[in-house]
Amino acid sequence: MIVTAKIESPLGELLAGATEEGICLLEFSDRRRASRECRDIMKLLGQPLEEGDNGHLQSLRKQLSEYFSGDLKKFTVPLVTPGTDFQQAVWNELLEIPFGTTRSYQEQANILNKPDSVRAVANANGMNRISIVIPCHRVIGSDGRLTGYGGGLKRKKWLLDHEKKYSGKAFEMTLF
């Protein structure tokens, strides 16, 4: 069973889901795509959703609170991320982007040894069902512009500004 719970954040309500193995969903509740992601994760894992709580959701709440207060730089909750081998590779590489750092989609493609796969990398980023924890918000356009965040560019900018504030690193970005 996938246990779900709502978690309040400075960016709005988040919908979280977890199995016995780990977190499988973290999405902004107000996104149109949230209900689709719930259907997708149920299908991928072959398990129903039910509101409730478990140890992974409790750990996620604690770690999100620490992240938003600037005390947590890297999440350690176990993750359940069903997807293709390519998606898995992209998501695993996202986890390697340090707090307060950004990379371009092209840099991500290069790191994956697939320099001609920028669009596929961007698509896999967009298929990430665990926002914030798998930090797809840290990927920006090659020109430094903010692009392609399912939670919206204002949230992406907020997350990057938040990380910049607590990392001591400086980076420039353009919203449009």
N, C-alpha and C. Protein backbone atom coordinates (compact mmCIF):
# COMPACT_ATOMS: atom_id res chain seq x y z
N MET A 1 0.83 -1.17 0.00
CA MET A 1 0.00 0.00 0.00
C MET A 1 0.88 1.25 0.00
N ILE A 2 0.41 2.29 -0.70
CA ILE A 2 1.08 3.58 -0.70
C ILE A 2 0.32 4.48 0.27
N VAL A 3 0.98 4.86 1.34
CA VAL A 3 0.37 5.72 2.35
C VAL A 3 0.63 7.17 1.96
N THR A 4 -0.41 7.99 1.99
CA THR A 4 -0.25 9.39 1.60
C THR A 4 -0.57 10.32 2.76
N ALA A 5 0.04 11.50 2.71
CA ALA A 5 -0.21 12.53 3.71
C ALA A 5 0.08 13.88 3.08
N LYS A 6 -0.56 14.90 3.62
CA LYS A 6 -0.30 16.27 3.18
C LYS A 6 0.69 16.90 4.15
N ILE A 7 1.62 17.65 3.58
CA ILE A 7 2.65 18.31 4.38
C ILE A 7 2.66 19.78 4.01
N GLU A 8 2.56 20.64 5.00
CA GLU A 8 2.62 22.08 4.76
C GLU A 8 4.07 22.50 4.56
N SER A 9 4.27 23.46 3.65
CA SER A 9 5.60 23.98 3.39
C SER A 9 5.49 25.47 3.11
N PRO A 10 6.61 26.19 3.12
CA PRO A 10 6.57 27.61 2.78
C PRO A 10 6.11 27.86 1.33
N LEU A 11 6.11 26.83 0.52
CA LEU A 11 5.72 26.96 -0.89
C LEU A 11 4.32 26.43 -1.16
N GLY A 12 3.62 26.05 -0.12
CA GLY A 12 2.29 25.49 -0.28
C GLY A 12 2.25 24.04 0.16
N GLU A 13 1.05 23.50 0.10
CA GLU A 13 0.84 22.13 0.55
C GLU A 13 1.46 21.13 -0.42
N LEU A 14 2.13 20.13 0.17
CA LEU A 14 2.74 19.04 -0.59
C LEU A 14 1.97 17.76 -0.32
N LEU A 15 1.84 16.93 -1.34
CA LEU A 15 1.26 15.61 -1.19
C LEU A 15 2.41 14.62 -1.21
N ALA A 16 2.54 13.85 -0.14
CA ALA A 16 3.62 12.87 -0.03
C ALA A 16 3.05 11.47 -0.03
N GLY A 17 3.80 10.54 -0.59
CA GLY A 17 3.41 9.14 -0.60
C GLY A 17 4.61 8.27 -0.26
N ALA A 18 4.34 7.18 0.46
CA ALA A 18 5.43 6.28 0.84
C ALA A 18 4.92 4.85 0.89
N THR A 19 5.79 3.94 0.53
CA THR A 19 5.55 2.52 0.70
C THR A 19 6.35 2.06 1.91
N GLU A 20 6.37 0.79 2.16
CA GLU A 20 7.20 0.26 3.25
C GLU A 20 8.68 0.47 2.95
N GLU A 21 9.02 0.60 1.65
CA GLU A 21 10.43 0.73 1.25
C GLU A 21 10.93 2.17 1.28
N GLY A 22 10.04 3.16 1.09
CA GLY A 22 10.51 4.53 1.08
C GLY A 22 9.52 5.49 0.42
N ILE A 23 9.97 6.71 0.26
CA ILE A 23 9.16 7.78 -0.33
C ILE A 23 9.06 7.56 -1.83
N CYS A 24 7.84 7.61 -2.36
CA CYS A 24 7.64 7.42 -3.80
C CYS A 24 6.95 8.61 -4.45
N LEU A 25 6.53 9.60 -3.65
CA LEU A 25 5.81 10.74 -4.20
C LEU A 25 5.98 11.94 -3.29
N LEU A 26 6.28 13.08 -3.89
CA LEU A 26 6.26 14.37 -3.19
C LEU A 26 5.97 15.41 -4.26
N GLU A 27 4.78 15.94 -4.20
CA GLU A 27 4.32 16.85 -5.25
C GLU A 27 3.51 17.97 -4.63
N PHE A 28 3.54 19.13 -5.26
CA PHE A 28 2.72 20.25 -4.83
C PHE A 28 1.26 19.90 -5.09
N SER A 29 0.45 19.97 -4.05
CA SER A 29 -0.96 19.56 -4.14
C SER A 29 -1.75 20.34 -5.16
N ASP A 30 -1.37 21.58 -5.41
CA ASP A 30 -2.16 22.41 -6.33
C ASP A 30 -1.80 22.21 -7.80
N ARG A 31 -0.86 21.36 -8.08
CA ARG A 31 -0.50 21.08 -9.48
C ARG A 31 -1.58 20.25 -10.14
N ARG A 32 -1.92 20.61 -11.35
CA ARG A 32 -2.90 19.82 -12.11
C ARG A 32 -2.43 18.38 -12.29
N ARG A 33 -1.13 18.22 -12.38
CA ARG A 33 -0.56 16.91 -12.65
C ARG A 33 -0.51 16.00 -11.42
N ALA A 34 -0.78 16.52 -10.25
CA ALA A 34 -0.67 15.73 -9.01
C ALA A 34 -1.56 14.49 -9.05
N SER A 35 -2.79 14.63 -9.50
CA SER A 35 -3.68 13.46 -9.53
C SER A 35 -3.19 12.43 -10.54
N ARG A 36 -2.62 12.90 -11.66
CA ARG A 36 -2.06 11.97 -12.65
C ARG A 36 -0.86 11.22 -12.06
N GLU A 37 -0.04 11.93 -11.32
CA GLU A 37 1.12 11.28 -10.71
C GLU A 37 0.68 10.23 -9.69
N CYS A 38 -0.42 10.50 -8.98
CA CYS A 38 -0.95 9.49 -8.05
C CYS A 38 -1.39 8.25 -8.81
N ARG A 39 -2.11 8.45 -9.91
CA ARG A 39 -2.54 7.30 -10.72
C ARG A 39 -1.33 6.55 -11.27
N ASP A 40 -0.34 7.29 -11.75
CA ASP A 40 0.86 6.66 -12.32
C ASP A 40 1.61 5.83 -11.29
N ILE A 41 1.79 6.38 -10.09
CA ILE A 41 2.56 5.65 -9.08
C ILE A 41 1.80 4.42 -8.61
N MET A 42 0.46 4.51 -8.53
CA MET A 42 -0.32 3.32 -8.18
C MET A 42 -0.14 2.23 -9.23
N LYS A 43 -0.17 2.63 -10.50
CA LYS A 43 -0.01 1.67 -11.59
C LYS A 43 1.40 1.08 -11.59
N LEU A 44 2.39 1.93 -11.47
CA LEU A 44 3.78 1.47 -11.50
C LEU A 44 4.11 0.53 -10.35
N LEU A 45 3.57 0.80 -9.18
CA LEU A 45 3.88 -0.02 -8.02
C LEU A 45 2.83 -1.10 -7.77
N GLY A 46 1.70 -1.03 -8.49
CA GLY A 46 0.65 -2.03 -8.32
C GLY A 46 0.06 -2.02 -6.92
N GLN A 47 -0.03 -0.82 -6.34
CA GLN A 47 -0.54 -0.68 -4.98
C GLN A 47 -1.53 0.47 -4.91
N PRO A 48 -2.54 0.36 -4.05
CA PRO A 48 -3.50 1.45 -3.88
C PRO A 48 -2.96 2.55 -2.97
N LEU A 49 -3.58 3.73 -3.06
CA LEU A 49 -3.26 4.84 -2.17
C LEU A 49 -4.23 4.84 -1.00
N GLU A 50 -3.73 5.20 0.17
CA GLU A 50 -4.59 5.36 1.33
C GLU A 50 -3.97 6.39 2.25
N GLU A 51 -4.77 7.34 2.71
CA GLU A 51 -4.26 8.34 3.64
C GLU A 51 -3.81 7.66 4.92
N GLY A 52 -2.72 8.17 5.47
CA GLY A 52 -2.21 7.59 6.71
C GLY A 52 -0.84 8.13 7.04
N ASP A 53 -0.06 7.32 7.71
CA ASP A 53 1.27 7.74 8.12
C ASP A 53 2.15 6.51 8.26
N ASN A 54 3.44 6.71 8.08
CA ASN A 54 4.41 5.65 8.36
C ASN A 54 5.75 6.31 8.70
N GLY A 55 6.71 5.51 9.05
CA GLY A 55 8.01 6.04 9.46
C GLY A 55 8.70 6.87 8.39
N HIS A 56 8.56 6.48 7.13
CA HIS A 56 9.19 7.25 6.05
C HIS A 56 8.57 8.63 5.91
N LEU A 57 7.25 8.72 6.05
CA LEU A 57 6.59 10.03 5.98
C LEU A 57 6.99 10.89 7.18
N GLN A 58 7.13 10.28 8.34
CA GLN A 58 7.58 11.03 9.52
C GLN A 58 8.99 11.57 9.31
N SER A 59 9.87 10.73 8.76
CA SER A 59 11.24 11.19 8.46
C SER A 59 11.24 12.29 7.41
N LEU A 60 10.40 12.14 6.40
CA LEU A 60 10.31 13.17 5.35
C LEU A 60 9.85 14.50 5.94
N ARG A 61 8.83 14.48 6.78
CA ARG A 61 8.35 15.72 7.42
C ARG A 61 9.49 16.41 8.17
N LYS A 62 10.22 15.62 8.95
CA LYS A 62 11.34 16.16 9.74
C LYS A 62 12.42 16.74 8.83
N GLN A 63 12.78 16.00 7.79
CA GLN A 63 13.84 16.47 6.90
C GLN A 63 13.39 17.68 6.09
N LEU A 64 12.14 17.72 5.66
CA LEU A 64 11.65 18.91 4.95
C LEU A 64 11.68 20.13 5.86
N SER A 65 11.29 19.96 7.11
CA SER A 65 11.33 21.06 8.07
C SER A 65 12.77 21.57 8.23
N GLU A 66 13.72 20.65 8.33
CA GLU A 66 15.13 21.02 8.46
C GLU A 66 15.64 21.68 7.18
N TYR A 67 15.20 21.19 6.04
CA TYR A 67 15.60 21.78 4.75
C TYR A 67 15.09 23.23 4.67
N PHE A 68 13.81 23.42 4.96
CA PHE A 68 13.23 24.75 4.85
C PHE A 68 13.78 25.72 5.89
N SER A 69 14.31 25.21 7.00
CA SER A 69 14.93 26.10 7.98
C SER A 69 16.40 26.35 7.65
N GLY A 70 16.92 25.70 6.62
CA GLY A 70 18.30 25.90 6.19
C GLY A 70 19.30 24.99 6.87
N ASP A 71 18.81 24.03 7.67
CA ASP A 71 19.70 23.15 8.42
C ASP A 71 20.06 21.86 7.69
N LEU A 72 19.28 21.47 6.69
CA LEU A 72 19.52 20.21 5.98
C LEU A 72 19.94 20.51 4.54
N LYS A 73 21.05 19.93 4.13
CA LYS A 73 21.57 20.16 2.78
C LYS A 73 21.37 18.95 1.87
N LYS A 74 21.20 17.76 2.46
CA LYS A 74 21.04 16.55 1.67
C LYS A 74 20.04 15.63 2.37
N PHE A 75 19.02 15.23 1.64
CA PHE A 75 18.00 14.34 2.18
C PHE A 75 18.55 12.91 2.25
N THR A 76 18.09 12.19 3.27
CA THR A 76 18.54 10.81 3.44
C THR A 76 17.38 9.81 3.49
N VAL A 77 16.15 10.29 3.29
CA VAL A 77 15.03 9.35 3.31
C VAL A 77 15.19 8.37 2.14
N PRO A 78 14.84 7.09 2.36
CA PRO A 78 14.92 6.14 1.25
C PRO A 78 13.87 6.48 0.19
N LEU A 79 14.23 6.27 -1.07
CA LEU A 79 13.36 6.62 -2.19
C LEU A 79 12.97 5.39 -2.99
N VAL A 80 11.77 5.43 -3.51
CA VAL A 80 11.25 4.41 -4.42
C VAL A 80 10.91 5.15 -5.70
N THR A 81 11.68 4.88 -6.76
CA THR A 81 11.56 5.67 -7.99
C THR A 81 11.42 4.77 -9.22
N PRO A 82 10.26 4.17 -9.42
CA PRO A 82 10.11 3.32 -10.61
C PRO A 82 10.19 4.17 -11.89
N GLY A 83 10.89 3.64 -12.86
CA GLY A 83 11.05 4.33 -14.15
C GLY A 83 11.98 3.54 -15.03
N THR A 84 12.21 4.07 -16.22
CA THR A 84 13.11 3.41 -17.16
C THR A 84 14.55 3.53 -16.66
N ASP A 85 15.44 2.76 -17.26
CA ASP A 85 16.86 2.85 -16.89
C ASP A 85 17.38 4.27 -17.11
N PHE A 86 16.97 4.90 -18.20
CA PHE A 86 17.42 6.27 -18.49
C PHE A 86 16.89 7.23 -17.43
N GLN A 87 15.61 7.14 -17.10
CA GLN A 87 15.05 8.00 -16.06
C GLN A 87 15.78 7.80 -14.74
N GLN A 88 16.04 6.55 -14.40
CA GLN A 88 16.77 6.25 -13.16
C GLN A 88 18.14 6.93 -13.17
N ALA A 89 18.83 6.86 -14.29
CA ALA A 89 20.15 7.48 -14.40
C ALA A 89 20.06 8.99 -14.21
N VAL A 90 19.06 9.61 -14.84
CA VAL A 90 18.88 11.05 -14.72
C VAL A 90 18.56 11.42 -13.28
N TRP A 91 17.63 10.72 -12.66
CA TRP A 91 17.24 11.03 -11.28
C TRP A 91 18.39 10.80 -10.32
N ASN A 92 19.16 9.74 -10.53
CA ASN A 92 20.32 9.50 -9.66
C ASN A 92 21.34 10.61 -9.80
N GLU A 93 21.51 11.11 -11.01
CA GLU A 93 22.45 12.21 -11.22
C GLU A 93 21.94 13.50 -10.60
N LEU A 94 20.63 13.71 -10.60
CA LEU A 94 20.06 14.88 -9.93
C LEU A 94 20.42 14.87 -8.44
N LEU A 95 20.42 13.70 -7.86
CA LEU A 95 20.75 13.57 -6.44
C LEU A 95 22.20 13.95 -6.15
N GLU A 96 23.03 13.97 -7.18
CA GLU A 96 24.45 14.31 -7.01
C GLU A 96 24.72 15.81 -7.12
N ILE A 97 23.73 16.59 -7.52
CA ILE A 97 23.93 18.04 -7.62
C ILE A 97 23.92 18.61 -6.20
N PRO A 98 25.02 19.21 -5.78
CA PRO A 98 25.09 19.69 -4.40
C PRO A 98 24.10 20.84 -4.11
N PHE A 99 23.68 20.91 -2.88
CA PHE A 99 22.86 21.99 -2.36
C PHE A 99 23.50 23.32 -2.73
N GLY A 100 22.69 24.25 -3.23
CA GLY A 100 23.20 25.57 -3.57
C GLY A 100 23.92 25.65 -4.90
N THR A 101 23.85 24.57 -5.70
CA THR A 101 24.54 24.50 -6.98
C THR A 101 23.52 24.25 -8.08
N THR A 102 23.78 24.79 -9.25
CA THR A 102 22.93 24.49 -10.40
C THR A 102 23.76 23.89 -11.52
N ARG A 103 23.07 23.18 -12.39
CA ARG A 103 23.66 22.64 -13.62
C ARG A 103 22.67 22.90 -14.74
N SER A 104 23.18 22.93 -15.94
CA SER A 104 22.30 23.06 -17.10
C SER A 104 21.86 21.66 -17.55
N TYR A 105 20.81 21.64 -18.35
CA TYR A 105 20.36 20.38 -18.92
C TYR A 105 21.48 19.78 -19.78
N GLN A 106 22.22 20.64 -20.48
CA GLN A 106 23.33 20.15 -21.29
C GLN A 106 24.41 19.53 -20.42
N GLU A 107 24.73 20.16 -19.29
CA GLU A 107 25.72 19.58 -18.38
C GLU A 107 25.25 18.22 -17.86
N GLN A 108 23.96 18.12 -17.56
CA GLN A 108 23.42 16.83 -17.11
C GLN A 108 23.58 15.78 -18.19
N ALA A 109 23.25 16.15 -19.43
CA ALA A 109 23.39 15.21 -20.55
C ALA A 109 24.85 14.79 -20.72
N ASN A 110 25.76 15.73 -20.61
CA ASN A 110 27.19 15.42 -20.74
C ASN A 110 27.66 14.48 -19.64
N ILE A 111 27.24 14.72 -18.41
CA ILE A 111 27.62 13.87 -17.29
C ILE A 111 27.14 12.44 -17.51
N LEU A 112 25.98 12.30 -18.14
CA LEU A 112 25.41 10.98 -18.42
C LEU A 112 26.00 10.35 -19.69
N ASN A 113 26.99 11.02 -20.28
CA ASN A 113 27.62 10.57 -21.53
C ASN A 113 26.60 10.45 -22.67
N LYS A 114 25.65 11.35 -22.67
CA LYS A 114 24.62 11.41 -23.71
C LYS A 114 24.46 12.87 -24.13
N PRO A 115 25.51 13.48 -24.67
CA PRO A 115 25.47 14.92 -24.96
C PRO A 115 24.39 15.36 -25.95
N ASP A 116 23.89 14.44 -26.76
CA ASP A 116 22.85 14.79 -27.71
C ASP A 116 21.44 14.53 -27.16
N SER A 117 21.35 14.23 -25.88
CA SER A 117 20.06 13.85 -25.28
C SER A 117 19.52 14.90 -24.33
N VAL A 118 19.75 16.17 -24.61
CA VAL A 118 19.31 17.24 -23.73
C VAL A 118 17.80 17.20 -23.53
N ARG A 119 17.06 17.02 -24.60
CA ARG A 119 15.59 16.98 -24.48
C ARG A 119 15.13 15.78 -23.68
N ALA A 120 15.77 14.65 -23.86
CA ALA A 120 15.41 13.45 -23.10
C ALA A 120 15.73 13.65 -21.62
N VAL A 121 16.83 14.31 -21.32
CA VAL A 121 17.18 14.62 -19.93
C VAL A 121 16.13 15.55 -19.34
N ALA A 122 15.75 16.57 -20.08
CA ALA A 122 14.72 17.50 -19.60
C ALA A 122 13.40 16.78 -19.37
N ASN A 123 13.05 15.87 -20.26
CA ASN A 123 11.82 15.10 -20.12
C ASN A 123 11.88 14.21 -18.87
N ALA A 124 13.00 13.55 -18.64
CA ALA A 124 13.15 12.71 -17.46
C ALA A 124 13.08 13.55 -16.18
N ASN A 125 13.70 14.74 -16.22
CA ASN A 125 13.58 15.64 -15.07
C ASN A 125 12.11 15.93 -14.78
N GLY A 126 11.35 16.18 -15.83
CA GLY A 126 9.93 16.49 -15.70
C GLY A 126 9.11 15.32 -15.18
N MET A 127 9.61 14.11 -15.34
CA MET A 127 8.91 12.92 -14.87
C MET A 127 9.25 12.57 -13.40
N ASN A 128 10.11 13.37 -12.80
CA ASN A 128 10.48 13.17 -11.40
C ASN A 128 9.24 13.36 -10.53
N ARG A 129 8.90 12.34 -9.76
CA ARG A 129 7.71 12.39 -8.91
C ARG A 129 8.03 12.75 -7.46
N ILE A 130 9.30 13.07 -7.17
CA ILE A 130 9.69 13.38 -5.79
C ILE A 130 10.37 14.75 -5.77
N SER A 131 9.55 15.79 -5.87
CA SER A 131 10.04 17.16 -5.89
C SER A 131 10.87 17.47 -4.65
N ILE A 132 11.74 18.41 -4.80
CA ILE A 132 12.61 18.95 -3.74
C ILE A 132 13.65 17.92 -3.30
N VAL A 133 13.22 16.72 -2.91
CA VAL A 133 14.16 15.69 -2.44
C VAL A 133 15.07 15.25 -3.59
N ILE A 134 14.48 14.96 -4.74
CA ILE A 134 15.26 14.75 -5.97
C ILE A 134 15.26 16.12 -6.64
N PRO A 135 16.36 16.85 -6.52
CA PRO A 135 16.36 18.29 -6.78
C PRO A 135 16.41 18.70 -8.25
N CYS A 136 15.34 18.40 -8.97
CA CYS A 136 15.27 18.82 -10.37
C CYS A 136 15.21 20.35 -10.48
N HIS A 137 14.89 21.03 -9.39
CA HIS A 137 14.87 22.50 -9.41
C HIS A 137 16.29 23.07 -9.60
N ARG A 138 17.31 22.26 -9.42
CA ARG A 138 18.69 22.74 -9.56
C ARG A 138 19.18 22.71 -11.00
N VAL A 139 18.33 22.31 -11.93
CA VAL A 139 18.73 22.26 -13.33
C VAL A 139 18.10 23.46 -14.04
N ILE A 140 18.96 24.21 -14.74
CA ILE A 140 18.54 25.44 -15.40
C ILE A 140 18.98 25.41 -16.86
N GLY A 141 18.55 26.39 -17.62
CA GLY A 141 18.95 26.50 -19.01
C GLY A 141 20.43 26.83 -19.14
N SER A 142 21.02 26.50 -20.28
CA SER A 142 22.45 26.77 -20.51
C SER A 142 22.78 28.25 -20.42
N ASP A 143 21.78 29.09 -20.68
CA ASP A 143 22.00 30.54 -20.62
C ASP A 143 21.75 31.11 -19.22
N GLY A 144 21.52 30.24 -18.24
CA GLY A 144 21.29 30.68 -16.87
C GLY A 144 19.84 30.97 -16.54
N ARG A 145 18.96 30.80 -17.50
CA ARG A 145 17.53 31.07 -17.26
C ARG A 145 16.86 29.91 -16.54
N LEU A 146 15.85 30.26 -15.78
CA LEU A 146 15.04 29.24 -15.13
C LEU A 146 14.05 28.71 -16.14
N THR A 147 14.05 27.42 -16.30
CA THR A 147 13.13 26.78 -17.24
C THR A 147 12.60 25.50 -16.63
N GLY A 148 11.44 25.10 -17.08
CA GLY A 148 10.92 23.76 -16.87
C GLY A 148 10.84 23.22 -15.47
N TYR A 149 10.08 23.85 -14.59
CA TYR A 149 9.85 23.26 -13.27
C TYR A 149 8.35 23.05 -13.09
N GLY A 150 7.96 21.81 -12.85
CA GLY A 150 6.55 21.46 -12.74
C GLY A 150 5.82 22.23 -11.65
N GLY A 151 6.51 22.61 -10.60
CA GLY A 151 5.90 23.37 -9.52
C GLY A 151 5.76 24.84 -9.82
N GLY A 152 6.28 25.25 -10.99
CA GLY A 152 6.22 26.65 -11.39
C GLY A 152 7.55 27.35 -11.18
N LEU A 153 7.83 28.31 -12.05
CA LEU A 153 9.11 29.01 -11.99
C LEU A 153 9.27 29.84 -10.72
N LYS A 154 8.18 30.36 -10.17
CA LYS A 154 8.30 31.12 -8.91
C LYS A 154 8.78 30.22 -7.78
N ARG A 155 8.28 28.99 -7.73
CA ARG A 155 8.74 28.05 -6.70
C ARG A 155 10.19 27.65 -6.96
N LYS A 156 10.53 27.44 -8.22
CA LYS A 156 11.91 27.07 -8.55
C LYS A 156 12.86 28.18 -8.10
N LYS A 157 12.50 29.41 -8.40
CA LYS A 157 13.34 30.54 -8.00
C LYS A 157 13.44 30.61 -6.48
N TRP A 158 12.32 30.40 -5.78
CA TRP A 158 12.32 30.43 -4.33
C TRP A 158 13.29 29.37 -3.79
N LEU A 159 13.19 28.15 -4.32
CA LEU A 159 14.07 27.05 -3.86
C LEU A 159 15.54 27.38 -4.10
N LEU A 160 15.84 27.91 -5.28
CA LEU A 160 17.24 28.25 -5.58
C LEU A 160 17.73 29.40 -4.71
N ASP A 161 16.88 30.42 -4.50
CA ASP A 161 17.26 31.52 -3.61
C ASP A 161 17.46 31.02 -2.18
N HIS A 162 16.59 30.13 -1.74
CA HIS A 162 16.69 29.53 -0.40
C HIS A 162 18.03 28.80 -0.25
N GLU A 163 18.36 27.99 -1.23
CA GLU A 163 19.62 27.24 -1.16
C GLU A 163 20.81 28.18 -1.25
N LYS A 164 20.71 29.20 -2.06
CA LYS A 164 21.79 30.18 -2.16
C LYS A 164 22.03 30.84 -0.80
N LYS A 165 20.94 31.21 -0.14
CA LYS A 165 21.02 31.87 1.16
C LYS A 165 21.75 31.00 2.19
N TYR A 166 21.46 29.71 2.19
CA TYR A 166 22.01 28.82 3.22
C TYR A 166 23.28 28.08 2.80
N SER A 167 23.69 28.22 1.55
CA SER A 167 24.89 27.53 1.11
C SER A 167 26.13 28.42 1.14
N GLY A 168 25.90 29.71 1.10
CA GLY A 168 27.03 30.64 1.02
C GLY A 168 27.59 30.74 -0.39
N LYS A 169 26.97 30.03 -1.35
CA LYS A 169 27.42 30.08 -2.74
C LYS A 169 26.61 31.12 -3.49
N ALA A 170 27.22 31.66 -4.53
CA ALA A 170 26.50 32.63 -5.36
C ALA A 170 26.33 32.06 -6.75
N PHE A 171 25.16 32.21 -7.30
CA PHE A 171 24.94 31.87 -8.70
C PHE A 171 23.90 32.81 -9.24
N GLU A 172 23.98 33.04 -10.52
CA GLU A 172 23.05 33.98 -11.16
C GLU A 172 22.05 33.20 -11.98
N MET A 173 20.85 33.76 -12.02
CA MET A 173 19.81 33.13 -12.83
C MET A 173 18.87 34.21 -13.32
N THR A 174 18.21 33.92 -14.40
CA THR A 174 17.24 34.82 -14.99
C THR A 174 15.90 34.10 -15.00
N LEU A 175 14.86 34.79 -14.52
CA LEU A 175 13.55 34.17 -14.47
C LEU A 175 12.91 34.04 -15.84
N PHE A 176 13.16 34.97 -16.74
CA PHE A 176 12.53 34.91 -18.06
C PHE A 176 13.55 35.02 -19.16
